[in-house]
PDB file of N, CA and C in Angstrom:
ATOM      1  N   UNK A   1     -22.220  11.367  39.764  1.00  0.00           N
ATOM      2  CA  UNK A   1     -22.076  12.087  38.524  1.00  0.00           C
ATOM      3  C   UNK A   1     -21.026  11.437  37.622  1.00  0.00           C
ATOM      4  N   UNK A   2     -20.038  10.812  38.168  1.00  0.00           N
ATOM      5  CA  UNK A   2     -19.017  10.142  37.376  1.00  0.00           C
ATOM      6  C   UNK A   2     -19.586   8.972  36.595  1.00  0.00           C
ATOM      7  N   UNK A   3     -20.569   8.273  37.160  1.00  0.00           N
ATOM      8  CA  UNK A   3     -21.193   7.147  36.471  1.00  0.00           C
ATOM      9  C   UNK A   3     -21.964   7.627  35.242  1.00  0.00           C
ATOM     10  N   UNK A   4     -22.598   8.777  35.347  1.00  0.00           N
ATOM     11  CA  UNK A   4     -23.341   9.309  34.203  1.00  0.00           C
ATOM     12  C   UNK A   4     -22.396   9.658  33.058  1.00  0.00           C
ATOM     13  N   UNK A   5     -21.236  10.237  33.380  1.00  0.00           N
ATOM     14  CA  UNK A   5     -20.258  10.575  32.346  1.00  0.00           C
ATOM     15  C   UNK A   5     -19.742   9.314  31.661  1.00  0.00           C
ATOM     16  N   UNK A   6     -19.548   8.259  32.420  1.00  0.00           N
ATOM     17  CA  UNK A   6     -19.089   6.996  31.849  1.00  0.00           C
ATOM     18  C   UNK A   6     -20.140   6.418  30.919  1.00  0.00           C
ATOM     19  N   UNK A   7     -21.406   6.477  31.332  1.00  0.00           N
ATOM     20  CA  UNK A   7     -22.488   5.972  30.484  1.00  0.00           C
ATOM     21  C   UNK A   7     -22.575   6.766  29.186  1.00  0.00           C
ATOM     22  N   UNK A   8     -22.422   8.066  29.276  1.00  0.00           N
ATOM     23  CA  UNK A   8     -22.466   8.924  28.085  1.00  0.00           C
ATOM     24  C   UNK A   8     -21.301   8.585  27.166  1.00  0.00           C
ATOM     25  N   UNK A   9     -20.124   8.399  27.725  1.00  0.00           N
ATOM     26  CA  UNK A   9     -18.935   8.073  26.941  1.00  0.00           C
ATOM     27  C   UNK A   9     -19.102   6.721  26.239  1.00  0.00           C
ATOM     28  N   UNK A  10     -19.609   5.731  26.936  1.00  0.00           N
ATOM     29  CA  UNK A  10     -19.813   4.404  26.352  1.00  0.00           C
ATOM     30  C   UNK A  10     -20.871   4.476  25.255  1.00  0.00           C
ATOM     31  N   UNK A  11     -21.954   5.203  25.495  1.00  0.00           N
ATOM     32  CA  UNK A  11     -22.994   5.355  24.479  1.00  0.00           C
ATOM     33  C   UNK A  11     -22.440   6.026  23.231  1.00  0.00           C
ATOM     34  N   UNK A  12     -21.645   7.075  23.426  1.00  0.00           N
ATOM     35  CA  UNK A  12     -21.050   7.772  22.281  1.00  0.00           C
ATOM     36  C   UNK A  12     -20.102   6.853  21.518  1.00  0.00           C
ATOM     37  N   UNK A  13     -19.331   6.057  22.221  1.00  0.00           N
ATOM     38  CA  UNK A  13     -18.405   5.128  21.578  1.00  0.00           C
ATOM     39  C   UNK A  13     -19.158   4.086  20.756  1.00  0.00           C
ATOM     40  N   UNK A  14     -20.235   3.555  21.307  1.00  0.00           N
ATOM     41  CA  UNK A  14     -21.042   2.579  20.582  1.00  0.00           C
ATOM     42  C   UNK A  14     -21.628   3.215  19.322  1.00  0.00           C
ATOM     43  N   UNK A  15     -22.077   4.449  19.414  1.00  0.00           N
ATOM     44  CA  UNK A  15     -22.641   5.134  18.256  1.00  0.00           C
ATOM     45  C   UNK A  15     -21.583   5.344  17.169  1.00  0.00           C
ATOM     46  N   UNK A  16     -20.375   5.706  17.564  1.00  0.00           N
ATOM     47  CA  UNK A  16     -19.297   5.929  16.599  1.00  0.00           C
ATOM     48  C   UNK A  16     -18.929   4.615  15.904  1.00  0.00           C
ATOM     49  N   UNK A  17     -18.802   3.538  16.657  1.00  0.00           N
ATOM     50  CA  UNK A  17     -18.457   2.243  16.078  1.00  0.00           C
ATOM     51  C   UNK A  17     -19.564   1.779  15.131  1.00  0.00           C
ATOM     52  N   UNK A  18     -20.812   1.948  15.524  1.00  0.00           N
ATOM     53  CA  UNK A  18     -21.933   1.561  14.666  1.00  0.00           C
ATOM     54  C   UNK A  18     -21.922   2.370  13.375  1.00  0.00           C
ATOM     55  N   UNK A  19     -21.689   3.662  13.472  1.00  0.00           N
ATOM     56  CA  UNK A  19     -21.641   4.511  12.277  1.00  0.00           C
ATOM     57  C   UNK A  19     -20.494   4.092  11.363  1.00  0.00           C
ATOM     58  N   UNK A  20     -19.346   3.771  11.941  1.00  0.00           N
ATOM     59  CA  UNK A  20     -18.201   3.342  11.131  1.00  0.00           C
ATOM     60  C   UNK A  20     -18.512   2.049  10.386  1.00  0.00           C
ATOM     61  N   UNK A  21     -19.190   1.122  11.045  1.00  0.00           N
ATOM     62  CA  UNK A  21     -19.550  -0.136  10.390  1.00  0.00           C
ATOM     63  C   UNK A  21     -20.538   0.118   9.257  1.00  0.00           C
ATOM     64  N   UNK A  22     -21.467   1.018   9.452  1.00  0.00           N
ATOM     65  CA  UNK A  22     -22.447   1.319   8.414  1.00  0.00           C
ATOM     66  C   UNK A  22     -21.781   1.990   7.217  1.00  0.00           C
ATOM     67  N   UNK A  23     -20.830   2.865   7.481  1.00  0.00           N
ATOM     68  CA  UNK A  23     -20.118   3.539   6.391  1.00  0.00           C
ATOM     69  C   UNK A  23     -19.315   2.529   5.598  1.00  0.00           C
ATOM     70  N   UNK A  24     -18.633   1.601   6.263  1.00  0.00           N
ATOM     71  CA  UNK A  24     -17.843   0.597   5.557  1.00  0.00           C
ATOM     72  C   UNK A  24     -18.729  -0.248   4.668  1.00  0.00           C
ATOM     73  N   UNK A  25     -19.890  -0.658   5.175  1.00  0.00           N
ATOM     74  CA  UNK A  25     -20.796  -1.455   4.357  1.00  0.00           C
ATOM     75  C   UNK A  25     -21.330  -0.649   3.182  1.00  0.00           C
ATOM     76  N   UNK A  26     -21.557   0.623   3.403  1.00  0.00           N
ATOM     77  CA  UNK A  26     -22.102   1.458   2.341  1.00  0.00           C
ATOM     78  C   UNK A  26     -21.087   1.689   1.228  1.00  0.00           C
ATOM     79  N   UNK A  27     -19.796   1.613   1.542  1.00  0.00           N
ATOM     80  CA  UNK A  27     -18.774   1.865   0.526  1.00  0.00           C
ATOM     81  C   UNK A  27     -18.386   0.597  -0.228  1.00  0.00           C
ATOM     82  N   UNK A  28     -19.011  -0.506   0.071  1.00  0.00           N
ATOM     83  CA  UNK A  28     -18.739  -1.742  -0.645  1.00  0.00           C
ATOM     84  C   UNK A  28     -19.319  -1.643  -2.052  1.00  0.00           C
ATOM     85  N   UNK A  29     -18.517  -2.037  -3.032  1.00  0.00           N
ATOM     86  CA  UNK A  29     -18.925  -1.946  -4.425  1.00  0.00           C
ATOM     87  C   UNK A  29     -19.049  -3.355  -4.984  1.00  0.00           C
ATOM     88  N   UNK A  30     -20.201  -3.689  -5.574  1.00  0.00           N
ATOM     89  CA  UNK A  30     -20.321  -5.012  -6.187  1.00  0.00           C
ATOM     90  C   UNK A  30     -19.500  -5.077  -7.476  1.00  0.00           C
ATOM     91  N   UNK A  31     -18.700  -6.130  -7.576  1.00  0.00           N
ATOM     92  CA  UNK A  31     -17.880  -6.319  -8.772  1.00  0.00           C
ATOM     93  C   UNK A  31     -17.685  -7.814  -8.997  1.00  0.00           C
ATOM     94  N   UNK A  32     -17.924  -8.262 -10.184  1.00  0.00           N
ATOM     95  CA  UNK A  32     -17.686  -9.660 -10.581  1.00  0.00           C
ATOM     96  C   UNK A  32     -18.389 -10.666  -9.675  1.00  0.00           C
ATOM     97  N   UNK A  33     -19.588 -10.332  -9.218  1.00  0.00           N
ATOM     98  CA  UNK A  33     -20.373 -11.271  -8.433  1.00  0.00           C
ATOM     99  C   UNK A  33     -20.181 -11.194  -6.933  1.00  0.00           C
ATOM    100  N   UNK A  34     -19.288 -10.328  -6.450  1.00  0.00           N
ATOM    101  CA  UNK A  34     -19.071 -10.187  -5.005  1.00  0.00           C
ATOM    102  C   UNK A  34     -18.899  -8.711  -4.655  1.00  0.00           C
ATOM    103  N   UNK A  35     -19.033  -8.404  -3.371  1.00  0.00           N
ATOM    104  CA  UNK A  35     -18.785  -7.045  -2.907  1.00  0.00           C
ATOM    105  C   UNK A  35     -17.307  -6.886  -2.577  1.00  0.00           C
ATOM    106  N   UNK A  36     -16.788  -5.696  -2.809  1.00  0.00           N
ATOM    107  CA  UNK A  36     -15.362  -5.462  -2.561  1.00  0.00           C
ATOM    108  C   UNK A  36     -14.992  -5.699  -1.102  1.00  0.00           C
ATOM    109  N   UNK A  37     -15.887  -5.404  -0.177  1.00  0.00           N
ATOM    110  CA  UNK A  37     -15.578  -5.666   1.237  1.00  0.00           C
ATOM    111  C   UNK A  37     -15.418  -7.160   1.494  1.00  0.00           C
ATOM    112  N   UNK A  38     -16.181  -7.988   0.771  1.00  0.00           N
ATOM    113  CA  UNK A  38     -16.062  -9.436   0.948  1.00  0.00           C
ATOM    114  C   UNK A  38     -14.716  -9.945   0.433  1.00  0.00           C
ATOM    115  N   UNK A  39     -14.195  -9.306  -0.606  1.00  0.00           N
ATOM    116  CA  UNK A  39     -12.891  -9.724  -1.140  1.00  0.00           C
ATOM    117  C   UNK A  39     -11.779  -9.577  -0.106  1.00  0.00           C
ATOM    118  N   UNK A  40     -11.955  -8.654   0.828  1.00  0.00           N
ATOM    119  CA  UNK A  40     -10.946  -8.443   1.871  1.00  0.00           C
ATOM    120  C   UNK A  40     -10.767  -9.696   2.735  1.00  0.00           C
ATOM    121  N   UNK A  41     -11.778 -10.549   2.771  1.00  0.00           N
ATOM    122  CA  UNK A  41     -11.688 -11.779   3.561  1.00  0.00           C
ATOM    123  C   UNK A  41     -10.601 -12.710   3.025  1.00  0.00           C
ATOM    124  N   UNK A  42     -10.234 -12.534   1.758  1.00  0.00           N
ATOM    125  CA  UNK A  42      -9.220 -13.386   1.139  1.00  0.00           C
ATOM    126  C   UNK A  42      -7.839 -12.741   1.106  1.00  0.00           C
ATOM    127  N   UNK A  43      -7.739 -11.515   1.524  1.00  0.00           N
ATOM    128  CA  UNK A  43      -6.466 -10.805   1.453  1.00  0.00           C
ATOM    129  C   UNK A  43      -5.312 -11.539   2.138  1.00  0.00           C
ATOM    130  N   UNK A  44      -5.491 -12.062   3.356  1.00  0.00           N
ATOM    131  CA  UNK A  44      -4.368 -12.756   3.993  1.00  0.00           C
ATOM    132  C   UNK A  44      -3.882 -13.972   3.198  1.00  0.00           C
ATOM    133  N   UNK A  45      -4.780 -14.640   2.491  1.00  0.00           N
ATOM    134  CA  UNK A  45      -4.436 -15.878   1.780  1.00  0.00           C
ATOM    135  C   UNK A  45      -3.695 -15.621   0.472  1.00  0.00           C
ATOM    136  N   UNK A  46      -3.628 -14.379   0.017  1.00  0.00           N
ATOM    137  CA  UNK A  46      -2.969 -14.090  -1.259  1.00  0.00           C
ATOM    138  C   UNK A  46      -1.877 -13.026  -1.146  1.00  0.00           C
ATOM    139  N   UNK A  47      -1.541 -12.620   0.058  1.00  0.00           N
ATOM    140  CA  UNK A  47      -0.499 -11.608   0.237  1.00  0.00           C
ATOM    141  C   UNK A  47       0.605 -12.133   1.144  1.00  0.00           C
ATOM    142  N   UNK A  48       1.745 -11.521   1.035  1.00  0.00           N
ATOM    143  CA  UNK A  48       2.891 -11.906   1.855  1.00  0.00           C
ATOM    144  C   UNK A  48       3.700 -13.018   1.218  1.00  0.00           C
ATOM    145  N   UNK A  49       4.838 -13.314   1.829  1.00  0.00           N
ATOM    146  CA  UNK A  49       5.736 -14.331   1.292  1.00  0.00           C
ATOM    147  C   UNK A  49       5.227 -15.750   1.503  1.00  0.00           C
ATOM    148  N   UNK A  50       4.580 -15.989   2.619  1.00  0.00           N
ATOM    149  CA  UNK A  50       4.097 -17.331   2.946  1.00  0.00           C
ATOM    150  C   UNK A  50       2.675 -17.204   3.501  1.00  0.00           C
ATOM    151  N   UNK A  51       1.696 -16.969   2.612  1.00  0.00           N
ATOM    152  CA  UNK A  51       0.336 -16.726   3.109  1.00  0.00           C
ATOM    153  C   UNK A  51      -0.285 -17.962   3.743  1.00  0.00           C
ATOM    154  N   UNK A  52      -1.150 -17.744   4.746  1.00  0.00           N
ATOM    155  CA  UNK A  52      -1.848 -18.871   5.370  1.00  0.00           C
ATOM    156  C   UNK A  52      -2.910 -19.416   4.421  1.00  0.00           C
ATOM    157  N   UNK A  53      -3.400 -20.613   4.689  1.00  0.00           N
ATOM    158  CA  UNK A  53      -4.488 -21.157   3.860  1.00  0.00           C
ATOM    159  C   UNK A  53      -5.719 -20.263   3.976  1.00  0.00           C
ATOM    160  N   UNK A  54      -6.574 -20.270   2.964  1.00  0.00           N
ATOM    161  CA  UNK A  54      -7.774 -19.440   3.032  1.00  0.00           C
ATOM    162  C   UNK A  54      -8.737 -19.943   4.103  1.00  0.00           C
ATOM    163  N   UNK A  55      -9.461 -19.003   4.675  1.00  0.00           N
ATOM    164  CA  UNK A  55     -10.479 -19.350   5.665  1.00  0.00           C
ATOM    165  C   UNK A  55     -11.740 -19.843   4.954  1.00  0.00           C
ATOM    166  N   UNK A  56     -12.632 -20.509   5.669  1.00  0.00           N
ATOM    167  CA  UNK A  56     -13.898 -20.918   5.045  1.00  0.00           C
ATOM    168  C   UNK A  56     -14.680 -19.717   4.489  1.00  0.00           C
ATOM    169  N   UNK A  57     -14.611 -18.567   5.190  1.00  0.00           N
ATOM    170  CA  UNK A  57     -15.304 -17.374   4.709  1.00  0.00           C
ATOM    171  C   UNK A  57     -14.705 -16.902   3.390  1.00  0.00           C
ATOM    172  N   UNK A  58     -13.387 -16.957   3.269  1.00  0.00           N
ATOM    173  CA  UNK A  58     -12.708 -16.582   2.033  1.00  0.00           C
ATOM    174  C   UNK A  58     -13.131 -17.522   0.901  1.00  0.00           C
ATOM    175  N   UNK A  59     -13.145 -18.800   1.165  1.00  0.00           N
ATOM    176  CA  UNK A  59     -13.518 -19.766   0.121  1.00  0.00           C
ATOM    177  C   UNK A  59     -14.955 -19.556  -0.339  1.00  0.00           C
ATOM    178  N   UNK A  60     -15.835 -19.199   0.572  1.00  0.00           N
ATOM    179  CA  UNK A  60     -17.218 -18.917   0.197  1.00  0.00           C
ATOM    180  C   UNK A  60     -17.257 -17.741  -0.784  1.00  0.00           C
ATOM    181  N   UNK A  61     -16.472 -16.709  -0.499  1.00  0.00           N
ATOM    182  CA  UNK A  61     -16.400 -15.539  -1.384  1.00  0.00           C
ATOM    183  C   UNK A  61     -15.787 -15.937  -2.724  1.00  0.00           C
ATOM    184  N   UNK A  62     -14.690 -16.699  -2.683  1.00  0.00           N
ATOM    185  CA  UNK A  62     -14.000 -17.093  -3.918  1.00  0.00           C
ATOM    186  C   UNK A  62     -14.902 -17.937  -4.811  1.00  0.00           C
ATOM    187  N   UNK A  63     -15.690 -18.806  -4.212  1.00  0.00           N
ATOM    188  CA  UNK A  63     -16.588 -19.662  -4.998  1.00  0.00           C
ATOM    189  C   UNK A  63     -17.740 -18.860  -5.607  1.00  0.00           C
ATOM    190  N   UNK A  64     -18.141 -17.782  -4.952  1.00  0.00           N
ATOM    191  CA  UNK A  64     -19.241 -16.956  -5.456  1.00  0.00           C
ATOM    192  C   UNK A  64     -18.771 -15.975  -6.527  1.00  0.00           C
ATOM    193  N   UNK A  65     -17.482 -15.663  -6.533  1.00  0.00           N
ATOM    194  CA  UNK A  65     -16.952 -14.648  -7.441  1.00  0.00           C
ATOM    195  C   UNK A  65     -16.769 -15.186  -8.854  1.00  0.00           C
ATOM    196  N   UNK A  66     -16.852 -14.307  -9.803  1.00  0.00           N
ATOM    197  CA  UNK A  66     -16.524 -14.619 -11.188  1.00  0.00           C
ATOM    198  C   UNK A  66     -15.027 -14.353 -11.332  1.00  0.00           C
ATOM    199  N   UNK A  67     -14.221 -15.399 -11.199  1.00  0.00           N
ATOM    200  CA  UNK A  67     -12.763 -15.226 -11.182  1.00  0.00           C
ATOM    201  C   UNK A  67     -12.217 -14.741 -12.518  1.00  0.00           C
ATOM    202  N   UNK A  68     -12.821 -15.147 -13.616  1.00  0.00           N
ATOM    203  CA  UNK A  68     -12.389 -14.647 -14.931  1.00  0.00           C
ATOM    204  C   UNK A  68     -12.531 -13.126 -14.969  1.00  0.00           C
ATOM    205  N   UNK A  69     -13.624 -12.636 -14.433  1.00  0.00           N
ATOM    206  CA  UNK A  69     -13.882 -11.201 -14.397  1.00  0.00           C
ATOM    207  C   UNK A  69     -12.889 -10.486 -13.481  1.00  0.00           C
ATOM    208  N   UNK A  70     -12.524 -11.128 -12.367  1.00  0.00           N
ATOM    209  CA  UNK A  70     -11.641 -10.494 -11.386  1.00  0.00           C
ATOM    210  C   UNK A  70     -10.172 -10.482 -11.800  1.00  0.00           C
ATOM    211  N   UNK A  71      -9.772 -11.358 -12.705  1.00  0.00           N
ATOM    212  CA  UNK A  71      -8.352 -11.465 -13.068  1.00  0.00           C
ATOM    213  C   UNK A  71      -7.697 -10.131 -13.434  1.00  0.00           C
ATOM    214  N   UNK A  72      -8.311  -9.324 -14.273  1.00  0.00           N
ATOM    215  CA  UNK A  72      -7.658  -8.043 -14.599  1.00  0.00           C
ATOM    216  C   UNK A  72      -7.440  -7.156 -13.365  1.00  0.00           C
ATOM    217  N   UNK A  73      -8.366  -7.208 -12.411  1.00  0.00           N
ATOM    218  CA  UNK A  73      -8.220  -6.413 -11.192  1.00  0.00           C
ATOM    219  C   UNK A  73      -7.078  -6.951 -10.338  1.00  0.00           C
ATOM    220  N   UNK A  74      -6.966  -8.275 -10.268  1.00  0.00           N
ATOM    221  CA  UNK A  74      -5.868  -8.886  -9.516  1.00  0.00           C
ATOM    222  C   UNK A  74      -4.528  -8.491 -10.123  1.00  0.00           C
ATOM    223  N   UNK A  75      -4.446  -8.552 -11.445  1.00  0.00           N
ATOM    224  CA  UNK A  75      -3.197  -8.229 -12.144  1.00  0.00           C
ATOM    225  C   UNK A  75      -2.795  -6.785 -11.890  1.00  0.00           C
ATOM    226  N   UNK A  76      -3.765  -5.883 -12.008  1.00  0.00           N
ATOM    227  CA  UNK A  76      -3.466  -4.453 -11.797  1.00  0.00           C
ATOM    228  C   UNK A  76      -3.096  -4.161 -10.362  1.00  0.00           C
ATOM    229  N   UNK A  77      -3.586  -4.940  -9.424  1.00  0.00           N
ATOM    230  CA  UNK A  77      -3.270  -4.680  -8.018  1.00  0.00           C
ATOM    231  C   UNK A  77      -1.942  -5.295  -7.600  1.00  0.00           C
ATOM    232  N   UNK A  78      -1.288  -6.019  -8.517  1.00  0.00           N
ATOM    233  CA  UNK A  78       0.037  -6.566  -8.225  1.00  0.00           C
ATOM    234  C   UNK A  78       0.035  -7.890  -7.481  1.00  0.00           C
ATOM    235  N   UNK A  79      -1.110  -8.561  -7.405  1.00  0.00           N
ATOM    236  CA  UNK A  79      -1.150  -9.861  -6.732  1.00  0.00           C
ATOM    237  C   UNK A  79      -0.481 -10.918  -7.592  1.00  0.00           C
ATOM    238  N   UNK A  80       0.225 -11.810  -6.950  1.00  0.00           N
ATOM    239  CA  UNK A  80       0.934 -12.892  -7.624  1.00  0.00           C
ATOM    240  C   UNK A  80      -0.082 -13.905  -8.152  1.00  0.00           C
ATOM    241  N   UNK A  81      -0.112 -14.147  -9.484  1.00  0.00           N
ATOM    242  CA  UNK A  81      -1.068 -15.106 -10.046  1.00  0.00           C
ATOM    243  C   UNK A  81      -0.963 -16.504  -9.430  1.00  0.00           C
ATOM    244  N   UNK A  82       0.235 -16.893  -9.027  1.00  0.00           N
ATOM    245  CA  UNK A  82       0.408 -18.220  -8.413  1.00  0.00           C
ATOM    246  C   UNK A  82      -0.352 -18.304  -7.088  1.00  0.00           C
ATOM    247  N   UNK A  83      -0.392 -17.210  -6.338  1.00  0.00           N
ATOM    248  CA  UNK A  83      -1.116 -17.203  -5.062  1.00  0.00           C
ATOM    249  C   UNK A  83      -2.628 -17.251  -5.296  1.00  0.00           C
ATOM    250  N   UNK A  84      -3.078 -16.600  -6.364  1.00  0.00           N
ATOM    251  CA  UNK A  84      -4.499 -16.641  -6.706  1.00  0.00           C
ATOM    252  C   UNK A  84      -4.883 -18.066  -7.109  1.00  0.00           C
ATOM    253  N   UNK A  85      -4.025 -18.706  -7.904  1.00  0.00           N
ATOM    254  CA  UNK A  85      -4.286 -20.084  -8.327  1.00  0.00           C
ATOM    255  C   UNK A  85      -4.294 -21.025  -7.118  1.00  0.00           C
ATOM    256  N   UNK A  86      -3.363 -20.811  -6.183  1.00  0.00           N
ATOM    257  CA  UNK A  86      -3.309 -21.631  -4.968  1.00  0.00           C
ATOM    258  C   UNK A  86      -4.569 -21.434  -4.133  1.00  0.00           C
ATOM    259  N   UNK A  87      -5.076 -20.214  -4.092  1.00  0.00           N
ATOM    260  CA  UNK A  87      -6.317 -19.939  -3.370  1.00  0.00           C
ATOM    261  C   UNK A  87      -7.446 -20.775  -3.958  1.00  0.00           C
ATOM    262  N   UNK A  88      -7.554 -20.770  -5.287  1.00  0.00           N
ATOM    263  CA  UNK A  88      -8.592 -21.565  -5.942  1.00  0.00           C
ATOM    264  C   UNK A  88      -8.458 -23.042  -5.639  1.00  0.00           C
ATOM    265  N   UNK A  89      -7.244 -23.543  -5.708  1.00  0.00           N
ATOM    266  CA  UNK A  89      -6.997 -24.958  -5.427  1.00  0.00           C
ATOM    267  C   UNK A  89      -7.358 -25.290  -3.980  1.00  0.00           C
ATOM    268  N   UNK A  90      -6.919 -24.437  -3.041  1.00  0.00           N
ATOM    269  CA  UNK A  90      -7.176 -24.688  -1.625  1.00  0.00           C
ATOM    270  C   UNK A  90      -8.663 -24.581  -1.270  1.00  0.00           C
ATOM    271  N   UNK A  91      -9.412 -23.835  -2.070  1.00  0.00           N
ATOM    272  CA  UNK A  91     -10.851 -23.693  -1.823  1.00  0.00           C
ATOM    273  C   UNK A  91     -11.667 -24.719  -2.606  1.00  0.00           C
ATOM    274  N   UNK A  92     -11.000 -25.582  -3.376  1.00  0.00           N
ATOM    275  CA  UNK A  92     -11.715 -26.607  -4.116  1.00  0.00           C
ATOM    276  C   UNK A  92     -12.365 -26.101  -5.394  1.00  0.00           C
ATOM    277  N   UNK A  93     -11.859 -24.996  -5.924  1.00  0.00           N
ATOM    278  CA  UNK A  93     -12.387 -24.464  -7.165  1.00  0.00           C
ATOM    279  C   UNK A  93     -11.644 -25.166  -8.302  1.00  0.00           C
ATOM    280  N   UNK A  94     -12.375 -25.907  -9.098  1.00  0.00           N
ATOM    281  CA  UNK A  94     -11.721 -26.714 -10.134  1.00  0.00           C
ATOM    282  C   UNK A  94     -11.443 -25.935 -11.410  1.00  0.00           C
ATOM    283  N   UNK A  95     -12.213 -24.901 -11.676  1.00  0.00           N
ATOM    284  CA  UNK A  95     -11.987 -24.111 -12.893  1.00  0.00           C
ATOM    285  C   UNK A  95     -11.172 -22.871 -12.533  1.00  0.00           C
ATOM    286  N   UNK A  96      -9.878 -22.920 -12.810  1.00  0.00           N
ATOM    287  CA  UNK A  96      -9.026 -21.767 -12.562  1.00  0.00           C
ATOM    288  C   UNK A  96      -9.052 -20.837 -13.766  1.00  0.00           C
ATOM    289  N   UNK A  97      -9.081 -19.529 -13.502  1.00  0.00           N
ATOM    290  CA  UNK A  97      -9.036 -18.598 -14.616  1.00  0.00           C
ATOM    291  C   UNK A  97      -7.710 -18.676 -15.325  1.00  0.00           C
ATOM    292  N   UNK A  98      -7.712 -18.387 -16.605  1.00  0.00           N
ATOM    293  CA  UNK A  98      -6.471 -18.463 -17.389  1.00  0.00           C
ATOM    294  C   UNK A  98      -5.553 -17.310 -17.095  1.00  0.00           C
TER     295      UNK A  98
END
C-alpha cells in the first residue's frame, strides 16, 4: 500500500509541475517581436554589478527583438543602458538602439 501512495504522490507532483509550466507559458505577452517570458533569458546578462556574458539563447532572443521598441520598457524598468548596449555588442548586434 505504501508504493501506491508514492505513485499517487509522484503523479500529483508531475501534474502540478505541468500545470505551472502551462500557466507560465500562457501568461507570456508578445511585445516588440518577442514574448516576455523569452526576455527573461537575458535577465542575468543585464542585471547586477558584474553580469555574465549573454547565453546563446539570450542572443537569439535579442536578435529577434525590436530593440528600438523595447528601449522605453528597459528605461522604465531601471536597467542600465550601458548593460543593454553591452548585451547587443556581445550578441553581435551591430545596430544599437539610440
